[in-house]
Amino acid sequence: MANNHKQRKRRIPVRTCVGCRQTLAKRELMRVVRTPDGIRFDPTGKANGRGAYIHNARACWEKAMKGSLANALHASISEADQKHLQAIMDSLPEETDAKKE
């Protein structure tokens, strides 16, 4: 007898890039999280704290660093955190295949 149970489609979490405001699957974006120790990049996507998502493109990071990242995290970004995030941004490519505004 054939199995007549319908397979449920798995829901894919969608997040918005704080730089360009484009929505994509959560796994396609980089997560930055506000922790008690400061603002850090979260490569696992599972760290505790308030998070924000950004494309892995320098242009999106530059837009986000102008203020939308701080707004999304509900925190001001300290100078030490800015240096940490700037180092991550400098390691990113100039352009990617991601759609820009």
PDB file of N, CA and C in Angstrom:
ATOM      1  N   MET A   1       0.838  -1.179   0.000  1.00  0.00           N
ATOM      2  CA  MET A   1       0.000   0.000   0.000  1.00  0.00           C
ATOM      3  C   MET A   1       0.880   1.238   0.000  1.00  0.00           C
ATOM      4  N   ALA A   2       0.585   2.172  -0.847  1.00  0.00           N
ATOM      5  CA  ALA A   2       1.401   3.376  -0.988  1.00  0.00           C
ATOM      6  C   ALA A   2       1.201   4.305   0.203  1.00  0.00           C
ATOM      7  N   ASN A   3       2.250   5.000   0.520  1.00  0.00           N
ATOM      8  CA  ASN A   3       2.188   5.966   1.618  1.00  0.00           C
ATOM      9  C   ASN A   3       1.546   7.243   1.098  1.00  0.00           C
ATOM     10  N   ASN A   4       0.360   7.553   1.565  1.00  0.00           N
ATOM     11  CA  ASN A   4      -0.381   8.724   1.087  1.00  0.00           C
ATOM     12  C   ASN A   4      -0.133   9.971   1.927  1.00  0.00           C
ATOM     13  N   HIS A   5       0.758   9.889   2.879  1.00  0.00           N
ATOM     14  CA  HIS A   5       1.048  11.067   3.703  1.00  0.00           C
ATOM     15  C   HIS A   5       1.835  12.078   2.883  1.00  0.00           C
ATOM     16  N   LYS A   6       1.368  13.279   2.929  1.00  0.00           N
ATOM     17  CA  LYS A   6       2.070  14.339   2.201  1.00  0.00           C
ATOM     18  C   LYS A   6       3.265  14.792   3.020  1.00  0.00           C
ATOM     19  N   GLN A   7       4.359  15.013   2.346  1.00  0.00           N
ATOM     20  CA  GLN A   7       5.552  15.525   3.003  1.00  0.00           C
ATOM     21  C   GLN A   7       5.385  17.019   3.240  1.00  0.00           C
ATOM     22  N   ARG A   8       5.639  17.432   4.446  1.00  0.00           N
ATOM     23  CA  ARG A   8       5.589  18.861   4.738  1.00  0.00           C
ATOM     24  C   ARG A   8       6.842  19.518   4.207  1.00  0.00           C
ATOM     25  N   LYS A   9       6.652  20.685   3.603  1.00  0.00           N
ATOM     26  CA  LYS A   9       7.826  21.441   3.165  1.00  0.00           C
ATOM     27  C   LYS A   9       8.429  22.116   4.374  1.00  0.00           C
ATOM     28  N   ARG A  10       9.729  22.069   4.421  1.00  0.00           N
ATOM     29  CA  ARG A  10      10.447  22.683   5.525  1.00  0.00           C
ATOM     30  C   ARG A  10      10.492  24.195   5.313  1.00  0.00           C
ATOM     31  N   ARG A  11      10.119  24.937   6.331  1.00  0.00           N
ATOM     32  CA  ARG A  11      10.131  26.391   6.257  1.00  0.00           C
ATOM     33  C   ARG A  11      11.571  26.889   6.360  1.00  0.00           C
ATOM     34  N   ILE A  12      11.946  27.764   5.447  1.00  0.00           N
ATOM     35  CA  ILE A  12      13.295  28.332   5.437  1.00  0.00           C
ATOM     36  C   ILE A  12      13.228  29.713   6.083  1.00  0.00           C
ATOM     37  N   PRO A  13      13.983  29.936   7.181  1.00  0.00           N
ATOM     38  CA  PRO A  13      13.965  31.244   7.825  1.00  0.00           C
ATOM     39  C   PRO A  13      14.521  32.328   6.893  1.00  0.00           C
ATOM     40  N   VAL A  14      13.853  33.465   6.859  1.00  0.00           N
ATOM     41  CA  VAL A  14      14.248  34.578   6.006  1.00  0.00           C
ATOM     42  C   VAL A  14      14.639  35.754   6.897  1.00  0.00           C
ATOM     43  N   ARG A  15      15.723  36.423   6.545  1.00  0.00           N
ATOM     44  CA  ARG A  15      16.187  37.588   7.295  1.00  0.00           C
ATOM     45  C   ARG A  15      16.480  38.725   6.321  1.00  0.00           C
ATOM     46  N   THR A  16      16.548  39.953   6.844  1.00  0.00           N
ATOM     47  CA  THR A  16      16.785  41.145   6.037  1.00  0.00           C
ATOM     48  C   THR A  16      18.179  41.686   6.317  1.00  0.00           C
ATOM     49  N   CYS A  17      18.919  41.985   5.264  1.00  0.00           N
ATOM     50  CA  CYS A  17      20.233  42.604   5.392  1.00  0.00           C
ATOM     51  C   CYS A  17      20.037  44.040   5.875  1.00  0.00           C
ATOM     52  N   VAL A  18      20.739  44.438   6.946  1.00  0.00           N
ATOM     53  CA  VAL A  18      20.585  45.799   7.459  1.00  0.00           C
ATOM     54  C   VAL A  18      21.306  46.824   6.586  1.00  0.00           C
ATOM     55  N   GLY A  19      22.124  46.357   5.654  1.00  0.00           N
ATOM     56  CA  GLY A  19      22.814  47.271   4.746  1.00  0.00           C
ATOM     57  C   GLY A  19      21.957  47.666   3.562  1.00  0.00           C
ATOM     58  N   CYS A  20      21.462  46.677   2.821  1.00  0.00           N
ATOM     59  CA  CYS A  20      20.720  46.958   1.583  1.00  0.00           C
ATOM     60  C   CYS A  20      19.227  46.670   1.706  1.00  0.00           C
ATOM     61  N   ARG A  21      18.790  46.103   2.820  1.00  0.00           N
ATOM     62  CA  ARG A  21      17.381  45.808   3.085  1.00  0.00           C
ATOM     63  C   ARG A  21      16.818  44.706   2.194  1.00  0.00           C
ATOM     64  N   GLN A  22      17.640  43.890   1.576  1.00  0.00           N
ATOM     65  CA  GLN A  22      17.185  42.767   0.757  1.00  0.00           C
ATOM     66  C   GLN A  22      16.939  41.574   1.679  1.00  0.00           C
ATOM     67  N   THR A  23      15.862  40.819   1.437  1.00  0.00           N
ATOM     68  CA  THR A  23      15.579  39.638   2.240  1.00  0.00           C
ATOM     69  C   THR A  23      16.125  38.397   1.541  1.00  0.00           C
ATOM     70  N   LEU A  24      16.759  37.559   2.346  1.00  0.00           N
ATOM     71  CA  LEU A  24      17.343  36.307   1.859  1.00  0.00           C
ATOM     72  C   LEU A  24      17.201  35.240   2.933  1.00  0.00           C
ATOM     73  N   ALA A  25      17.531  34.020   2.560  1.00  0.00           N
ATOM     74  CA  ALA A  25      17.562  32.935   3.538  1.00  0.00           C
ATOM     75  C   ALA A  25      18.599  33.258   4.611  1.00  0.00           C
ATOM     76  N   LYS A  26      18.279  32.898   5.822  1.00  0.00           N
ATOM     77  CA  LYS A  26      19.139  33.204   6.969  1.00  0.00           C
ATOM     78  C   LYS A  26      20.583  32.746   6.774  1.00  0.00           C
ATOM     79  N   ARG A  27      20.768  31.584   6.181  1.00  0.00           N
ATOM     80  CA  ARG A  27      22.117  31.028   6.004  1.00  0.00           C
ATOM     81  C   ARG A  27      22.951  31.763   4.963  1.00  0.00           C
ATOM     82  N   GLU A  28      22.334  32.586   4.143  1.00  0.00           N
ATOM     83  CA  GLU A  28      23.068  33.318   3.111  1.00  0.00           C
ATOM     84  C   GLU A  28      23.614  34.653   3.622  1.00  0.00           C
ATOM     85  N   LEU A  29      23.292  35.002   4.855  1.00  0.00           N
ATOM     86  CA  LEU A  29      23.728  36.273   5.428  1.00  0.00           C
ATOM     87  C   LEU A  29      24.665  36.032   6.607  1.00  0.00           C
ATOM     88  N   MET A  30      25.468  37.037   6.927  1.00  0.00           N
ATOM     89  CA  MET A  30      26.374  36.976   8.074  1.00  0.00           C
ATOM     90  C   MET A  30      25.656  37.590   9.270  1.00  0.00           C
ATOM     91  N   ARG A  31      25.851  37.015  10.447  1.00  0.00           N
ATOM     92  CA  ARG A  31      25.176  37.514  11.650  1.00  0.00           C
ATOM     93  C   ARG A  31      26.171  38.242  12.553  1.00  0.00           C
ATOM     94  N   VAL A  32      25.740  39.397  13.022  1.00  0.00           N
ATOM     95  CA  VAL A  32      26.486  40.165  14.014  1.00  0.00           C
ATOM     96  C   VAL A  32      25.604  40.194  15.250  1.00  0.00           C
ATOM     97  N   VAL A  33      26.184  39.955  16.413  1.00  0.00           N
ATOM     98  CA  VAL A  33      25.387  39.840  17.632  1.00  0.00           C
ATOM     99  C   VAL A  33      25.899  40.774  18.712  1.00  0.00           C
ATOM    100  N   ARG A  34      24.957  41.334  19.487  1.00  0.00           N
ATOM    101  CA  ARG A  34      25.302  42.162  20.646  1.00  0.00           C
ATOM    102  C   ARG A  34      25.308  41.257  21.866  1.00  0.00           C
ATOM    103  N   THR A  35      26.449  41.177  22.520  1.00  0.00           N
ATOM    104  CA  THR A  35      26.610  40.364  23.725  1.00  0.00           C
ATOM    105  C   THR A  35      27.010  41.283  24.876  1.00  0.00           C
ATOM    106  N   PRO A  36      27.012  40.771  26.093  1.00  0.00           N
ATOM    107  CA  PRO A  36      27.495  41.591  27.215  1.00  0.00           C
ATOM    108  C   PRO A  36      28.955  42.013  27.057  1.00  0.00           C
ATOM    109  N   ASP A  37      29.732  41.252  26.272  1.00  0.00           N
ATOM    110  CA  ASP A  37      31.146  41.558  26.039  1.00  0.00           C
ATOM    111  C   ASP A  37      31.362  42.529  24.892  1.00  0.00           C
ATOM    112  N   GLY A  38      30.303  42.892  24.168  1.00  0.00           N
ATOM    113  CA  GLY A  38      30.417  43.803  23.034  1.00  0.00           C
ATOM    114  C   GLY A  38      29.761  43.221  21.803  1.00  0.00           C
ATOM    115  N   ILE A  39      29.995  43.848  20.686  1.00  0.00           N
ATOM    116  CA  ILE A  39      29.401  43.429  19.419  1.00  0.00           C
ATOM    117  C   ILE A  39      30.411  42.554  18.688  1.00  0.00           C
ATOM    118  N   ARG A  40      29.958  41.366  18.285  1.00  0.00           N
ATOM    119  CA  ARG A  40      30.850  40.392  17.675  1.00  0.00           C
ATOM    120  C   ARG A  40      30.210  39.755  16.452  1.00  0.00           C
ATOM    121  N   PHE A  41      31.042  39.257  15.548  1.00  0.00           N
ATOM    122  CA  PHE A  41      30.591  38.465  14.414  1.00  0.00           C
ATOM    123  C   PHE A  41      30.256  37.070  14.935  1.00  0.00           C
ATOM    124  N   ASP A  42      29.149  36.514  14.486  1.00  0.00           N
ATOM    125  CA  ASP A  42      28.694  35.195  14.941  1.00  0.00           C
ATOM    126  C   ASP A  42      28.696  34.224  13.767  1.00  0.00           C
ATOM    127  N   PRO A  43      29.795  33.504  13.539  1.00  0.00           N
ATOM    128  CA  PRO A  43      29.854  32.600  12.390  1.00  0.00           C
ATOM    129  C   PRO A  43      28.897  31.414  12.502  1.00  0.00           C
ATOM    130  N   THR A  44      28.517  31.019  13.714  1.00  0.00           N
ATOM    131  CA  THR A  44      27.611  29.886  13.889  1.00  0.00           C
ATOM    132  C   THR A  44      26.159  30.282  13.693  1.00  0.00           C
ATOM    133  N   GLY A  45      25.845  31.551  13.936  1.00  0.00           N
ATOM    134  CA  GLY A  45      24.461  32.011  13.836  1.00  0.00           C
ATOM    135  C   GLY A  45      23.616  31.598  15.016  1.00  0.00           C
ATOM    136  N   LYS A  46      24.247  31.130  16.086  1.00  0.00           N
ATOM    137  CA  LYS A  46      23.503  30.611  17.232  1.00  0.00           C
ATOM    138  C   LYS A  46      23.871  31.268  18.557  1.00  0.00           C
ATOM    139  N   ALA A  47      24.724  32.272  18.546  1.00  0.00           N
ATOM    140  CA  ALA A  47      25.154  32.900  19.788  1.00  0.00           C
ATOM    141  C   ALA A  47      23.985  33.637  20.440  1.00  0.00           C
ATOM    142  N   ASN A  48      23.988  33.658  21.762  1.00  0.00           N
ATOM    143  CA  ASN A  48      22.954  34.374  22.494  1.00  0.00           C
ATOM    144  C   ASN A  48      23.152  35.872  22.341  1.00  0.00           C
ATOM    145  N   GLY A  49      22.066  36.592  22.265  1.00  0.00           N
ATOM    146  CA  GLY A  49      22.121  38.043  22.167  1.00  0.00           C
ATOM    147  C   GLY A  49      21.323  38.538  20.982  1.00  0.00           C
ATOM    148  N   ARG A  50      21.143  39.829  20.929  1.00  0.00           N
ATOM    149  CA  ARG A  50      20.395  40.440  19.829  1.00  0.00           C
ATOM    150  C   ARG A  50      21.253  40.426  18.571  1.00  0.00           C
ATOM    151  N   GLY A  51      20.712  39.940  17.485  1.00  0.00           N
ATOM    152  CA  GLY A  51      21.476  39.799  16.261  1.00  0.00           C
ATOM    153  C   GLY A  51      20.965  40.648  15.126  1.00  0.00           C
ATOM    154  N   ALA A  52      21.822  40.868  14.154  1.00  0.00           N
ATOM    155  CA  ALA A  52      21.488  41.568  12.919  1.00  0.00           C
ATOM    156  C   ALA A  52      22.211  40.841  11.791  1.00  0.00           C
ATOM    157  N   TYR A  53      21.650  40.914  10.602  1.00  0.00           N
ATOM    158  CA  TYR A  53      22.185  40.167   9.465  1.00  0.00           C
ATOM    159  C   TYR A  53      22.649  41.110   8.367  1.00  0.00           C
ATOM    160  N   ILE A  54      23.787  40.747   7.736  1.00  0.00           N
ATOM    161  CA  ILE A  54      24.392  41.567   6.691  1.00  0.00           C
ATOM    162  C   ILE A  54      24.920  40.634   5.594  1.00  0.00           C
ATOM    163  N   HIS A  55      24.805  41.082   4.327  1.00  0.00           N
ATOM    164  CA  HIS A  55      25.408  40.344   3.217  1.00  0.00           C
ATOM    165  C   HIS A  55      26.910  40.228   3.432  1.00  0.00           C
ATOM    166  N   ASN A  56      27.525  39.299   2.757  1.00  0.00           N
ATOM    167  CA  ASN A  56      28.986  39.173   2.835  1.00  0.00           C
ATOM    168  C   ASN A  56      29.643  40.017   1.745  1.00  0.00           C
ATOM    169  N   ALA A  57      29.166  41.242   1.576  1.00  0.00           N
ATOM    170  CA  ALA A  57      29.718  42.183   0.600  1.00  0.00           C
ATOM    171  C   ALA A  57      30.105  43.469   1.323  1.00  0.00           C
ATOM    172  N   ARG A  58      31.223  44.011   0.946  1.00  0.00           N
ATOM    173  CA  ARG A  58      31.734  45.212   1.603  1.00  0.00           C
ATOM    174  C   ARG A  58      30.767  46.389   1.504  1.00  0.00           C
ATOM    175  N   ALA A  59      30.084  46.532   0.374  1.00  0.00           N
ATOM    176  CA  ALA A  59      29.150  47.653   0.200  1.00  0.00           C
ATOM    177  C   ALA A  59      28.029  47.608   1.240  1.00  0.00           C
ATOM    178  N   CYS A  60      27.515  46.430   1.520  1.00  0.00           N
ATOM    179  CA  CYS A  60      26.462  46.292   2.529  1.00  0.00           C
ATOM    180  C   CYS A  60      27.002  46.602   3.926  1.00  0.00           C
ATOM    181  N   TRP A  61      28.211  46.150   4.203  1.00  0.00           N
ATOM    182  CA  TRP A  61      28.817  46.429   5.514  1.00  0.00           C
ATOM    183  C   TRP A  61      29.055  47.924   5.687  1.00  0.00           C
ATOM    184  N   GLU A  62      29.501  48.602   4.628  1.00  0.00           N
ATOM    185  CA  GLU A  62      29.737  50.041   4.729  1.00  0.00           C
ATOM    186  C   GLU A  62      28.444  50.778   5.038  1.00  0.00           C
ATOM    187  N   LYS A  63      27.353  50.411   4.371  1.00  0.00           N
ATOM    188  CA  LYS A  63      26.053  51.033   4.650  1.00  0.00           C
ATOM    189  C   LYS A  63      25.600  50.731   6.071  1.00  0.00           C
ATOM    190  N   ALA A  64      25.781  49.494   6.499  1.00  0.00           N
ATOM    191  CA  ALA A  64      25.346  49.089   7.836  1.00  0.00           C
ATOM    192  C   ALA A  64      26.132  49.809   8.927  1.00  0.00           C
ATOM    193  N   MET A  65      27.417  50.003   8.705  1.00  0.00           N
ATOM    194  CA  MET A  65      28.265  50.649   9.712  1.00  0.00           C
ATOM    195  C   MET A  65      27.932  52.137   9.889  1.00  0.00           C
ATOM    196  N   LYS A  66      27.226  52.725   8.915  1.00  0.00           N
ATOM    197  CA  LYS A  66      26.869  54.138   9.024  1.00  0.00           C
ATOM    198  C   LYS A  66      25.765  54.388  10.043  1.00  0.00           C
ATOM    199  N   GLY A  67      25.146  53.356  10.555  1.00  0.00           N
ATOM    200  CA  GLY A  67      24.137  53.567  11.586  1.00  0.00           C
ATOM    201  C   GLY A  67      23.049  52.521  11.652  1.00  0.00           C
ATOM    202  N   SER A  68      22.743  51.860  10.545  1.00  0.00           N
ATOM    203  CA  SER A  68      21.645  50.898  10.581  1.00  0.00           C
ATOM    204  C   SER A  68      21.984  49.666  11.419  1.00  0.00           C
ATOM    205  N   LEU A  69      23.256  49.299  11.504  1.00  0.00           N
ATOM    206  CA  LEU A  69      23.648  48.167  12.339  1.00  0.00           C
ATOM    207  C   LEU A  69      23.420  48.492  13.814  1.00  0.00           C
ATOM    208  N   ALA A  70      23.829  49.674  14.239  1.00  0.00           N
ATOM    209  CA  ALA A  70      23.620  50.085  15.630  1.00  0.00           C
ATOM    210  C   ALA A  70      22.129  50.139  15.956  1.00  0.00           C
ATOM    211  N   ASN A  71      21.322  50.635  15.017  1.00  0.00           N
ATOM    212  CA  ASN A  71      19.881  50.675  15.236  1.00  0.00           C
ATOM    213  C   ASN A  71      19.305  49.273  15.356  1.00  0.00           C
ATOM    214  N   ALA A  72      19.725  48.367  14.508  1.00  0.00           N
ATOM    215  CA  ALA A  72      19.214  46.993  14.534  1.00  0.00           C
ATOM    216  C   ALA A  72      19.607  46.269  15.823  1.00  0.00           C
ATOM    217  N   LEU A  73      20.781  46.581  16.346  1.00  0.00           N
ATOM    218  CA  LEU A  73      21.250  45.933  17.576  1.00  0.00           C
ATOM    219  C   LEU A  73      20.768  46.648  18.835  1.00  0.00           C
ATOM    220  N   HIS A  74      20.128  47.792  18.675  1.00  0.00           N
ATOM    221  CA  HIS A  74      19.658  48.606  19.805  1.00  0.00           C
ATOM    222  C   HIS A  74      20.810  48.940  20.746  1.00  0.00           C
ATOM    223  N   ALA A  75      21.940  49.343  20.169  1.00  0.00           N
ATOM    224  CA  ALA A  75      23.123  49.658  20.953  1.00  0.00           C
ATOM    225  C   ALA A  75      24.020  50.598  20.175  1.00  0.00           C
ATOM    226  N   SER A  76      24.851  51.335  20.896  1.00  0.00           N
ATOM    227  CA  SER A  76      25.876  52.119  20.225  1.00  0.00           C
ATOM    228  C   SER A  76      27.105  51.227  20.068  1.00  0.00           C
ATOM    229  N   ILE A  77      27.837  51.452  18.999  1.00  0.00           N
ATOM    230  CA  ILE A  77      29.001  50.618  18.710  1.00  0.00           C
ATOM    231  C   ILE A  77      30.247  51.326  19.224  1.00  0.00           C
ATOM    232  N   SER A  78      30.948  50.671  20.144  1.00  0.00           N
ATOM    233  CA  SER A  78      32.149  51.268  20.727  1.00  0.00           C
ATOM    234  C   SER A  78      33.273  51.287  19.702  1.00  0.00           C
ATOM    235  N   GLU A  79      34.316  52.033  20.012  1.00  0.00           N
ATOM    236  CA  GLU A  79      35.463  52.139  19.105  1.00  0.00           C
ATOM    237  C   GLU A  79      36.153  50.780  18.926  1.00  0.00           C
ATOM    238  N   ALA A  80      36.262  50.006  20.011  1.00  0.00           N
ATOM    239  CA  ALA A  80      36.878  48.681  19.923  1.00  0.00           C
ATOM    240  C   ALA A  80      36.037  47.757  19.046  1.00  0.00           C
ATOM    241  N   ASP A  81      34.717  47.834  19.194  1.00  0.00           N
ATOM    242  CA  ASP A  81      33.833  47.011  18.362  1.00  0.00           C
ATOM    243  C   ASP A  81      33.897  47.445  16.906  1.00  0.00           C
ATOM    244  N   GLN A  82      34.013  48.749  16.666  1.00  0.00           N
ATOM    245  CA  GLN A  82      34.137  49.243  15.293  1.00  0.00           C
ATOM    246  C   GLN A  82      35.398  48.696  14.632  1.00  0.00           C
ATOM    247  N   LYS A  83      36.496  48.647  15.373  1.00  0.00           N
ATOM    248  CA  LYS A  83      37.743  48.102  14.829  1.00  0.00           C
ATOM    249  C   LYS A  83      37.590  46.619  14.511  1.00  0.00           C
ATOM    250  N   HIS A  84      36.917  45.884  15.390  1.00  0.00           N
ATOM    251  CA  HIS A  84      36.673  44.458  15.169  1.00  0.00           C
ATOM    252  C   HIS A  84      35.832  44.252  13.905  1.00  0.00           C
ATOM    253  N   LEU A  85      34.761  45.011  13.768  1.00  0.00           N
ATOM    254  CA  LEU A  85      33.878  44.881  12.601  1.00  0.00           C
ATOM    255  C   LEU A  85      34.564  45.383  11.331  1.00  0.00           C
ATOM    256  N   GLN A  86      35.401  46.411  11.451  1.00  0.00           N
ATOM    257  CA  GLN A  86      36.145  46.929  10.304  1.00  0.00           C
ATOM    258  C   GLN A  86      37.113  45.874   9.765  1.00  0.00           C
ATOM    259  N   ALA A  87      37.739  45.119  10.668  1.00  0.00           N
ATOM    260  CA  ALA A  87      38.651  44.049  10.245  1.00  0.00           C
ATOM    261  C   ALA A  87      37.896  42.976   9.460  1.00  0.00           C
ATOM    262  N   ILE A  88      36.690  42.658   9.900  1.00  0.00           N
ATOM    263  CA  ILE A  88      35.868  41.679   9.170  1.00  0.00           C
ATOM    264  C   ILE A  88      35.490  42.252   7.816  1.00  0.00           C
ATOM    265  N   MET A  89      35.071  43.502   7.789  1.00  0.00           N
ATOM    266  CA  MET A  89      34.657  44.157   6.551  1.00  0.00           C
ATOM    267  C   MET A  89      35.815  44.214   5.551  1.00  0.00           C
ATOM    268  N   ASP A  90      37.021  44.480   6.019  1.00  0.00           N
ATOM    269  CA  ASP A  90      38.179  44.577   5.135  1.00  0.00           C
ATOM    270  C   ASP A  90      38.530  43.226   4.496  1.00  0.00           C
ATOM    271  N   SER A  91      38.119  42.136   5.125  1.00  0.00           N
ATOM    272  CA  SER A  91      38.418  40.814   4.570  1.00  0.00           C
ATOM    273  C   SER A  91      37.390  40.378   3.520  1.00  0.00           C
ATOM    274  N   LEU A  92      36.328  41.154   3.341  1.00  0.00           N
ATOM    275  CA  LEU A  92      35.271  40.794   2.396  1.00  0.00           C
ATOM    276  C   LEU A  92      35.593  41.277   0.989  1.00  0.00           C
ATOM    277  N   PRO A  93      35.024  40.618  -0.011  1.00  0.00           N
ATOM    278  CA  PRO A  93      35.245  41.051  -1.403  1.00  0.00           C
ATOM    279  C   PRO A  93      34.515  42.363  -1.689  1.00  0.00           C
ATOM    280  N   GLU A  94      35.013  43.086  -2.682  1.00  0.00           N
ATOM    281  CA  GLU A  94      34.377  44.345  -3.083  1.00  0.00           C
ATOM    282  C   GLU A  94      32.969  44.110  -3.597  1.00  0.00           C
ATOM    283  N   GLU A  95      32.809  43.142  -4.489  1.00  0.00           N
ATOM    284  CA  GLU A  95      31.508  42.837  -5.082  1.00  0.00           C
ATOM    285  C   GLU A  95      31.243  41.351  -4.993  1.00  0.00           C
ATOM    286  N   THR A  96      29.963  41.000  -4.873  1.00  0.00           N
ATOM    287  CA  THR A  96      29.546  39.596  -4.932  1.00  0.00           C
ATOM    288  C   THR A  96      28.411  39.498  -5.912  1.00  0.00           C
ATOM    289  N   ASP A  97      27.867  38.314  -6.047  1.00  0.00           N
ATOM    290  CA  ASP A  97      26.735  38.093  -6.933  1.00  0.00           C
ATOM    291  C   ASP A  97      25.436  38.581  -6.325  1.00  0.00           C
ATOM    292  N   ALA A  98      25.476  39.028  -5.068  1.00  0.00           N
ATOM    293  CA  ALA A  98      24.256  39.490  -4.407  1.00  0.00           C
ATOM    294  C   ALA A  98      23.724  40.726  -5.110  1.00  0.00           C
ATOM    295  N   LYS A  99      22.426  40.796  -5.202  1.00  0.00           N
ATOM    296  CA  LYS A  99      21.776  41.927  -5.879  1.00  0.00           C
ATOM    297  C   LYS A  99      21.915  43.178  -5.013  1.00  0.00           C
ATOM    298  N   LYS A 100      22.334  44.249  -5.648  1.00  0.00           N
ATOM    299  CA  LYS A 100      22.495  45.528  -4.950  1.00  0.00           C
ATOM    300  C   LYS A 100      21.311  46.423  -5.254  1.00  0.00           C
ATOM    301  N   GLU A 101      21.171  47.477  -4.447  1.00  0.00           N
ATOM    302  CA  GLU A 101      20.090  48.442  -4.656  1.00  0.00           C
ATOM    303  C   GLU A 101      20.245  49.148  -5.974  1.00  0.00           C
TER     304      GLU A 101
END
